[in-house]
């Protein structure tokens, strides 16, 4: 109990910019302002707030290599948000692909947990079999399967990493795994809404899981042994 409370006390104040920009995005998302500079800034702001959170937490207080890879993933995610908001979808997919590569590099490949990976890959292939029939762009018909593979691999590695959970001091691994799964859910809604069928409340169903996914992944950098004793 004390361990979890300590985590909350330490992280929540540093996450206030994220919470504020998260709410601001949804307040302003009711306006159709895609491609405008201010709407792009508002969309990217929660991700930059998470980058700020990691910098405030202290890059050198944890596994430095892991933390820099997570920062790289967040940065490429923000570039993807920018590109999607100015209607450069294909380039946005490439930016998010780079983000997934960075996250995969951070999560690593031990333990393997092929059972988790194969289950996720089969689910991804089933979704792609539905979506690809609705996509006419040759470029997207090639890029989306590649991106889907990277996305699912990221989620697989996040969940596999958390499968070694032993006690509450490894709670950040669980948060990272939740983030990985939420990323898949968010992008699944985005893909089906864009290519297959208009989904009611799509902005909420896409962006709430997305921002929470990035938050969970950002929180995975926290190391309990560096938290101040309360």
C-alpha atoms as a PDB file:
ATOM      1  CA  UNK A   1       0.000   0.000   0.000  1.00  0.00           C
ATOM      2  CA  UNK A   2       2.737   2.421   1.023  1.00  0.00           C
ATOM      3  CA  UNK A   3       4.656   1.731  -2.170  1.00  0.00           C
ATOM      4  CA  UNK A   4       1.683   2.576  -4.398  1.00  0.00           C
ATOM      5  CA  UNK A   5       0.819   5.700  -2.395  1.00  0.00           C
ATOM      6  CA  UNK A   6       4.422   6.838  -2.680  1.00  0.00           C
ATOM      7  CA  UNK A   7       4.253   6.431  -6.452  1.00  0.00           C
ATOM      8  CA  UNK A   8       1.070   8.531  -6.638  1.00  0.00           C
ATOM      9  CA  UNK A   9       2.454  11.271  -4.394  1.00  0.00           C
ATOM     10  CA  UNK A  10       5.601  11.544  -6.434  1.00  0.00           C
ATOM     11  CA  UNK A  11       4.197  11.327  -9.959  1.00  0.00           C
ATOM     12  CA  UNK A  12       0.822  13.104  -9.873  1.00  0.00           C
ATOM     13  CA  UNK A  13       2.167  16.647  -9.271  1.00  0.00           C
ATOM     14  CA  UNK A  14       4.597  16.227 -12.173  1.00  0.00           C
ATOM     15  CA  UNK A  15       1.743  14.979 -14.362  1.00  0.00           C
ATOM     16  CA  UNK A  16      -0.437  18.056 -13.808  1.00  0.00           C
ATOM     17  CA  UNK A  17       0.624  19.621 -17.148  1.00  0.00           C
ATOM     18  CA  UNK A  18      -0.436  16.387 -18.862  1.00  0.00           C
ATOM     19  CA  UNK A  19      -3.832  16.342 -17.142  1.00  0.00           C
ATOM     20  CA  UNK A  20      -4.391  20.023 -17.995  1.00  0.00           C
ATOM     21  CA  UNK A  21      -3.490  19.660 -21.674  1.00  0.00           C
ATOM     22  CA  UNK A  22      -5.444  16.377 -21.883  1.00  0.00           C
ATOM     23  CA  UNK A  23      -8.622  18.159 -20.745  1.00  0.00           C
ATOM     24  CA  UNK A  24      -7.890  21.184 -22.951  1.00  0.00           C
ATOM     25  CA  UNK A  25      -7.651  18.992 -26.032  1.00  0.00           C
ATOM     26  CA  UNK A  26     -11.099  17.505 -25.474  1.00  0.00           C
ATOM     27  CA  UNK A  27     -12.632  20.882 -24.651  1.00  0.00           C
ATOM     28  CA  UNK A  28     -11.367  22.267 -27.951  1.00  0.00           C
ATOM     29  CA  UNK A  29     -11.849  19.103 -30.035  1.00  0.00           C
ATOM     30  CA  UNK A  30     -15.500  20.040 -30.556  1.00  0.00           C
ATOM     31  CA  UNK A  31     -14.293  22.673 -33.013  1.00  0.00           C
ATOM     32  CA  UNK A  32     -13.423  21.588 -36.552  1.00  0.00           C
ATOM     33  CA  UNK A  33     -10.002  23.207 -36.667  1.00  0.00           C
ATOM     34  CA  UNK A  34      -7.759  20.571 -38.247  1.00  0.00           C
ATOM     35  CA  UNK A  35      -4.688  21.971 -39.987  1.00  0.00           C
ATOM     36  CA  UNK A  36      -4.702  25.148 -37.912  1.00  0.00           C
ATOM     37  CA  UNK A  37      -1.520  25.874 -35.984  1.00  0.00           C
ATOM     38  CA  UNK A  38      -3.190  26.251 -32.594  1.00  0.00           C
ATOM     39  CA  UNK A  39      -5.124  22.978 -32.907  1.00  0.00           C
ATOM     40  CA  UNK A  40      -1.909  21.169 -33.813  1.00  0.00           C
ATOM     41  CA  UNK A  41      -0.185  22.622 -30.759  1.00  0.00           C
ATOM     42  CA  UNK A  42      -3.087  21.584 -28.529  1.00  0.00           C
ATOM     43  CA  UNK A  43      -3.058  18.050 -29.950  1.00  0.00           C
ATOM     44  CA  UNK A  44       0.690  17.642 -29.395  1.00  0.00           C
ATOM     45  CA  UNK A  45       0.762  19.338 -25.979  1.00  0.00           C
ATOM     46  CA  UNK A  46      -0.145  16.260 -23.860  1.00  0.00           C
ATOM     47  CA  UNK A  47       2.755  14.302 -25.371  1.00  0.00           C
ATOM     48  CA  UNK A  48       5.220  17.106 -24.746  1.00  0.00           C
ATOM     49  CA  UNK A  49       3.849  17.277 -21.206  1.00  0.00           C
ATOM     50  CA  UNK A  50       4.804  13.616 -20.777  1.00  0.00           C
ATOM     51  CA  UNK A  51       8.277  14.371 -22.104  1.00  0.00           C
ATOM     52  CA  UNK A  52       8.445  17.152 -19.495  1.00  0.00           C
ATOM     53  CA  UNK A  53       7.320  14.679 -16.828  1.00  0.00           C
ATOM     54  CA  UNK A  54      10.224  12.355 -17.640  1.00  0.00           C
ATOM     55  CA  UNK A  55      12.687  15.244 -17.635  1.00  0.00           C
ATOM     56  CA  UNK A  56      11.336  16.419 -14.267  1.00  0.00           C
ATOM     57  CA  UNK A  57      11.539  12.887 -12.914  1.00  0.00           C
ATOM     58  CA  UNK A  58      15.178  12.789 -13.867  1.00  0.00           C
ATOM     59  CA  UNK A  59      16.601  10.898 -16.826  1.00  0.00           C
ATOM     60  CA  UNK A  60      19.696   9.883 -14.890  1.00  0.00           C
ATOM     61  CA  UNK A  61      17.737   8.499 -11.936  1.00  0.00           C
ATOM     62  CA  UNK A  62      16.732   5.378 -13.852  1.00  0.00           C
ATOM     63  CA  UNK A  63      18.000   3.108 -16.604  1.00  0.00           C
ATOM     64  CA  UNK A  64      19.303   5.891 -18.854  1.00  0.00           C
ATOM     65  CA  UNK A  65      19.183   3.883 -22.084  1.00  0.00           C
ATOM     66  CA  UNK A  66      15.590   2.773 -21.414  1.00  0.00           C
ATOM     67  CA  UNK A  67      14.500   6.310 -20.588  1.00  0.00           C
ATOM     68  CA  UNK A  68      16.045   7.863 -23.688  1.00  0.00           C
ATOM     69  CA  UNK A  69      14.321   5.264 -25.884  1.00  0.00           C
ATOM     70  CA  UNK A  70      10.963   6.084 -24.287  1.00  0.00           C
ATOM     71  CA  UNK A  71      11.657   9.797 -24.814  1.00  0.00           C
ATOM     72  CA  UNK A  72      12.439   9.085 -28.483  1.00  0.00           C
ATOM     73  CA  UNK A  73       9.158   7.187 -28.834  1.00  0.00           C
ATOM     74  CA  UNK A  74       7.211  10.064 -27.302  1.00  0.00           C
ATOM     75  CA  UNK A  75       8.959  12.572 -29.554  1.00  0.00           C
ATOM     76  CA  UNK A  76       8.180  10.606 -32.730  1.00  0.00           C
ATOM     77  CA  UNK A  77       4.586  10.223 -31.497  1.00  0.00           C
ATOM     78  CA  UNK A  78       4.289  13.998 -31.256  1.00  0.00           C
ATOM     79  CA  UNK A  79       5.587  14.307 -34.827  1.00  0.00           C
ATOM     80  CA  UNK A  80       2.978  11.757 -35.881  1.00  0.00           C
ATOM     81  CA  UNK A  81       0.255  13.798 -34.181  1.00  0.00           C
ATOM     82  CA  UNK A  82       1.424  16.914 -35.987  1.00  0.00           C
ATOM     83  CA  UNK A  83       1.451  15.213 -39.389  1.00  0.00           C
ATOM     84  CA  UNK A  84      -1.961  13.597 -38.918  1.00  0.00           C
ATOM     85  CA  UNK A  85      -3.435  16.934 -37.857  1.00  0.00           C
ATOM     86  CA  UNK A  86      -2.277  18.608 -41.080  1.00  0.00           C
ATOM     87  CA  UNK A  87      -3.662  15.734 -43.168  1.00  0.00           C
ATOM     88  CA  UNK A  88      -0.346  14.075 -44.030  1.00  0.00           C
ATOM     89  CA  UNK A  89      -1.582  10.641 -43.017  1.00  0.00           C
ATOM     90  CA  UNK A  90       1.076   8.528 -44.732  1.00  0.00           C
ATOM     91  CA  UNK A  91       3.921  10.551 -43.207  1.00  0.00           C
ATOM     92  CA  UNK A  92       2.161  10.405 -39.847  1.00  0.00           C
ATOM     93  CA  UNK A  93       2.127   6.608 -40.060  1.00  0.00           C
ATOM     94  CA  UNK A  94       5.881   6.654 -40.710  1.00  0.00           C
ATOM     95  CA  UNK A  95       6.462   8.851 -37.653  1.00  0.00           C
ATOM     96  CA  UNK A  96       4.400   6.548 -35.463  1.00  0.00           C
ATOM     97  CA  UNK A  97       6.268   3.562 -36.910  1.00  0.00           C
ATOM     98  CA  UNK A  98       9.491   5.185 -35.702  1.00  0.00           C
ATOM     99  CA  UNK A  99       7.855   5.662 -32.290  1.00  0.00           C
ATOM    100  CA  UNK A 100       6.961   1.973 -32.111  1.00  0.00           C
ATOM    101  CA  UNK A 101      10.536   0.986 -33.014  1.00  0.00           C
ATOM    102  CA  UNK A 102      11.826   3.161 -30.165  1.00  0.00           C
ATOM    103  CA  UNK A 103       9.346   1.654 -27.700  1.00  0.00           C
ATOM    104  CA  UNK A 104      10.198  -1.887 -28.829  1.00  0.00           C
ATOM    105  CA  UNK A 105      13.890  -1.151 -28.316  1.00  0.00           C
ATOM    106  CA  UNK A 106      13.094   0.092 -24.807  1.00  0.00           C
ATOM    107  CA  UNK A 107      10.937  -2.889 -23.787  1.00  0.00           C
ATOM    108  CA  UNK A 108      13.421  -5.414 -25.147  1.00  0.00           C
ATOM    109  CA  UNK A 109      12.916  -9.061 -26.087  1.00  0.00           C
ATOM    110  CA  UNK A 110      13.170 -10.877 -22.756  1.00  0.00           C
ATOM    111  CA  UNK A 111      11.169 -12.727 -21.684  1.00  0.00           C
ATOM    112  CA  UNK A 112      10.004 -13.881 -25.102  1.00  0.00           C
ATOM    113  CA  UNK A 113       6.416 -14.960 -24.247  1.00  0.00           C
ATOM    114  CA  UNK A 114       5.606 -16.217 -27.748  1.00  0.00           C
ATOM    115  CA  UNK A 115       2.097 -17.109 -26.567  1.00  0.00           C
ATOM    116  CA  UNK A 116       1.308 -13.435 -26.035  1.00  0.00           C
ATOM    117  CA  UNK A 117       2.964 -12.383 -29.279  1.00  0.00           C
ATOM    118  CA  UNK A 118       1.243 -14.963 -31.479  1.00  0.00           C
ATOM    119  CA  UNK A 119      -2.160 -14.177 -29.978  1.00  0.00           C
ATOM    120  CA  UNK A 120      -1.735 -10.470 -30.692  1.00  0.00           C
ATOM    121  CA  UNK A 121      -0.398 -11.064 -34.197  1.00  0.00           C
ATOM    122  CA  UNK A 122      -3.350 -13.323 -35.079  1.00  0.00           C
ATOM    123  CA  UNK A 123      -5.771 -10.644 -33.875  1.00  0.00           C
ATOM    124  CA  UNK A 124      -3.937  -8.042 -35.941  1.00  0.00           C
ATOM    125  CA  UNK A 125      -4.084 -10.207 -39.070  1.00  0.00           C
ATOM    126  CA  UNK A 126      -7.833 -10.680 -38.611  1.00  0.00           C
ATOM    127  CA  UNK A 127      -8.357  -6.915 -38.394  1.00  0.00           C
ATOM    128  CA  UNK A 128      -6.133  -6.287 -41.427  1.00  0.00           C
ATOM    129  CA  UNK A 129      -8.058  -8.822 -43.489  1.00  0.00           C
ATOM    130  CA  UNK A 130     -11.137  -6.654 -42.996  1.00  0.00           C
ATOM    131  CA  UNK A 131      -9.468  -3.276 -43.482  1.00  0.00           C
ATOM    132  CA  UNK A 132      -7.292  -3.916 -46.530  1.00  0.00           C
ATOM    133  CA  UNK A 133     -10.311  -4.585 -48.762  1.00  0.00           C
ATOM    134  CA  UNK A 134     -11.443  -1.004 -48.067  1.00  0.00           C
ATOM    135  CA  UNK A 135      -8.107   0.668 -48.867  1.00  0.00           C
ATOM    136  CA  UNK A 136      -7.376   1.703 -52.450  1.00  0.00           C
ATOM    137  CA  UNK A 137      -3.997   3.381 -51.908  1.00  0.00           C
ATOM    138  CA  UNK A 138      -1.162   1.043 -52.857  1.00  0.00           C
ATOM    139  CA  UNK A 139       1.175   2.826 -50.472  1.00  0.00           C
ATOM    140  CA  UNK A 140      -1.187   2.390 -47.534  1.00  0.00           C
ATOM    141  CA  UNK A 141      -1.875  -1.229 -48.416  1.00  0.00           C
ATOM    142  CA  UNK A 142       1.850  -1.777 -47.914  1.00  0.00           C
ATOM    143  CA  UNK A 143       2.487   0.617 -45.007  1.00  0.00           C
ATOM    144  CA  UNK A 144      -0.431  -0.344 -42.754  1.00  0.00           C
ATOM    145  CA  UNK A 145       0.520  -4.040 -42.406  1.00  0.00           C
ATOM    146  CA  UNK A 146       4.106  -3.010 -41.615  1.00  0.00           C
ATOM    147  CA  UNK A 147       2.916  -0.466 -39.061  1.00  0.00           C
ATOM    148  CA  UNK A 148       0.440  -2.942 -37.613  1.00  0.00           C
ATOM    149  CA  UNK A 149       3.246  -5.460 -37.118  1.00  0.00           C
ATOM    150  CA  UNK A 150       5.376  -2.867 -35.308  1.00  0.00           C
ATOM    151  CA  UNK A 151       2.432  -1.726 -33.176  1.00  0.00           C
ATOM    152  CA  UNK A 152       1.498  -5.239 -32.115  1.00  0.00           C
ATOM    153  CA  UNK A 153       5.139  -6.102 -31.473  1.00  0.00           C
ATOM    154  CA  UNK A 154       5.395  -3.060 -29.191  1.00  0.00           C
ATOM    155  CA  UNK A 155       2.326  -4.153 -27.233  1.00  0.00           C
ATOM    156  CA  UNK A 156       3.601  -7.738 -27.071  1.00  0.00           C
ATOM    157  CA  UNK A 157       6.958  -6.629 -25.677  1.00  0.00           C
ATOM    158  CA  UNK A 158       5.320  -4.304 -23.145  1.00  0.00           C
ATOM    159  CA  UNK A 159       3.011  -7.064 -21.882  1.00  0.00           C
ATOM    160  CA  UNK A 160       5.765  -9.701 -21.913  1.00  0.00           C
ATOM    161  CA  UNK A 161       8.012  -7.374 -19.899  1.00  0.00           C
ATOM    162  CA  UNK A 162       5.256  -6.956 -17.318  1.00  0.00           C
ATOM    163  CA  UNK A 163       4.656 -10.717 -17.117  1.00  0.00           C
ATOM    164  CA  UNK A 164       7.666 -10.953 -14.797  1.00  0.00           C
ATOM    165  CA  UNK A 165       5.814  -8.779 -12.241  1.00  0.00           C
ATOM    166  CA  UNK A 166       6.839  -9.771  -8.716  1.00  0.00           C
ATOM    167  CA  UNK A 167       5.708  -7.022  -6.337  1.00  0.00           C
ATOM    168  CA  UNK A 168       4.437  -3.457  -6.181  1.00  0.00           C
ATOM    169  CA  UNK A 169       7.846  -2.021  -6.924  1.00  0.00           C
ATOM    170  CA  UNK A 170       7.368  -3.244 -10.499  1.00  0.00           C
ATOM    171  CA  UNK A 171       4.028  -1.465 -10.939  1.00  0.00           C
ATOM    172  CA  UNK A 172       5.536   0.821 -13.646  1.00  0.00           C
ATOM    173  CA  UNK A 173       5.974  -2.290 -15.827  1.00  0.00           C
ATOM    174  CA  UNK A 174       2.239  -2.926 -15.528  1.00  0.00           C
ATOM    175  CA  UNK A 175       1.500   0.692 -16.455  1.00  0.00           C
ATOM    176  CA  UNK A 176       3.728   0.318 -19.518  1.00  0.00           C
ATOM    177  CA  UNK A 177       1.885  -2.866 -20.520  1.00  0.00           C
ATOM    178  CA  UNK A 178      -1.490  -1.164 -20.123  1.00  0.00           C
ATOM    179  CA  UNK A 179      -0.141   1.661 -22.257  1.00  0.00           C
ATOM    180  CA  UNK A 180       0.929  -0.753 -24.980  1.00  0.00           C
ATOM    181  CA  UNK A 181      -2.489  -2.417 -25.124  1.00  0.00           C
ATOM    182  CA  UNK A 182      -4.324   0.936 -25.111  1.00  0.00           C
ATOM    183  CA  UNK A 183      -2.173   2.064 -28.036  1.00  0.00           C
ATOM    184  CA  UNK A 184      -3.421  -0.909 -30.056  1.00  0.00           C
ATOM    185  CA  UNK A 185      -7.030  -0.137 -29.107  1.00  0.00           C
ATOM    186  CA  UNK A 186      -6.657   3.519 -30.068  1.00  0.00           C
ATOM    187  CA  UNK A 187      -5.080   2.789 -33.451  1.00  0.00           C
ATOM    188  CA  UNK A 188      -7.662   0.084 -34.080  1.00  0.00           C
ATOM    189  CA  UNK A 189     -10.484   2.597 -33.669  1.00  0.00           C
ATOM    190  CA  UNK A 190      -8.591   5.105 -35.835  1.00  0.00           C
ATOM    191  CA  UNK A 191      -8.087   2.610 -38.666  1.00  0.00           C
ATOM    192  CA  UNK A 192     -11.662   1.316 -38.688  1.00  0.00           C
ATOM    193  CA  UNK A 193     -13.061   4.853 -38.477  1.00  0.00           C
ATOM    194  CA  UNK A 194     -10.890   6.076 -41.358  1.00  0.00           C
ATOM    195  CA  UNK A 195     -11.088   3.108 -43.703  1.00  0.00           C
ATOM    196  CA  UNK A 196     -14.123   1.015 -42.842  1.00  0.00           C
ATOM    197  CA  UNK A 197     -17.030   2.728 -41.087  1.00  0.00           C
ATOM    198  CA  UNK A 198     -17.736   6.018 -39.349  1.00  0.00           C
ATOM    199  CA  UNK A 199     -17.663   5.340 -35.618  1.00  0.00           C
ATOM    200  CA  UNK A 200     -19.784   7.511 -33.296  1.00  0.00           C
ATOM    201  CA  UNK A 201     -17.718   9.523 -30.809  1.00  0.00           C
ATOM    202  CA  UNK A 202     -14.594   8.539 -32.730  1.00  0.00           C
ATOM    203  CA  UNK A 203     -12.490  11.373 -31.290  1.00  0.00           C
ATOM    204  CA  UNK A 204     -13.115  10.146 -27.746  1.00  0.00           C
ATOM    205  CA  UNK A 205     -12.644   6.461 -28.602  1.00  0.00           C
ATOM    206  CA  UNK A 206      -9.382   7.176 -30.416  1.00  0.00           C
ATOM    207  CA  UNK A 207      -7.771   9.923 -28.369  1.00  0.00           C
ATOM    208  CA  UNK A 208      -8.630   8.914 -24.777  1.00  0.00           C
ATOM    209  CA  UNK A 209      -6.918   5.491 -25.112  1.00  0.00           C
ATOM    210  CA  UNK A 210      -4.092   7.120 -27.075  1.00  0.00           C
ATOM    211  CA  UNK A 211      -3.213   9.725 -24.472  1.00  0.00           C
ATOM    212  CA  UNK A 212      -3.603   7.220 -21.630  1.00  0.00           C
ATOM    213  CA  UNK A 213      -1.386   4.794 -23.577  1.00  0.00           C
ATOM    214  CA  UNK A 214       1.370   7.359 -23.901  1.00  0.00           C
ATOM    215  CA  UNK A 215       0.969   8.238 -20.212  1.00  0.00           C
ATOM    216  CA  UNK A 216       1.306   4.593 -19.151  1.00  0.00           C
ATOM    217  CA  UNK A 217       4.393   4.171 -21.304  1.00  0.00           C
ATOM    218  CA  UNK A 218       5.908   7.369 -19.887  1.00  0.00           C
ATOM    219  CA  UNK A 219       5.243   6.172 -16.327  1.00  0.00           C
ATOM    220  CA  UNK A 220       7.135   2.964 -17.066  1.00  0.00           C
ATOM    221  CA  UNK A 221      10.394   4.884 -16.605  1.00  0.00           C
ATOM    222  CA  UNK A 222       9.723   5.300 -12.877  1.00  0.00           C
ATOM    223  CA  UNK A 223      12.034   3.299 -10.630  1.00  0.00           C
ATOM    224  CA  UNK A 224      10.895   2.855  -7.028  1.00  0.00           C
ATOM    225  CA  UNK A 225      14.355   2.858  -5.568  1.00  0.00           C
ATOM    226  CA  UNK A 226      14.731   6.491  -6.599  1.00  0.00           C
ATOM    227  CA  UNK A 227      11.407   7.654  -5.144  1.00  0.00           C
ATOM    228  CA  UNK A 228      11.759   9.810  -2.021  1.00  0.00           C
ATOM    229  CA  UNK A 229      10.610   8.140   1.204  1.00  0.00           C
ATOM    230  CA  UNK A 230       7.308   9.572   2.441  1.00  0.00           C
END
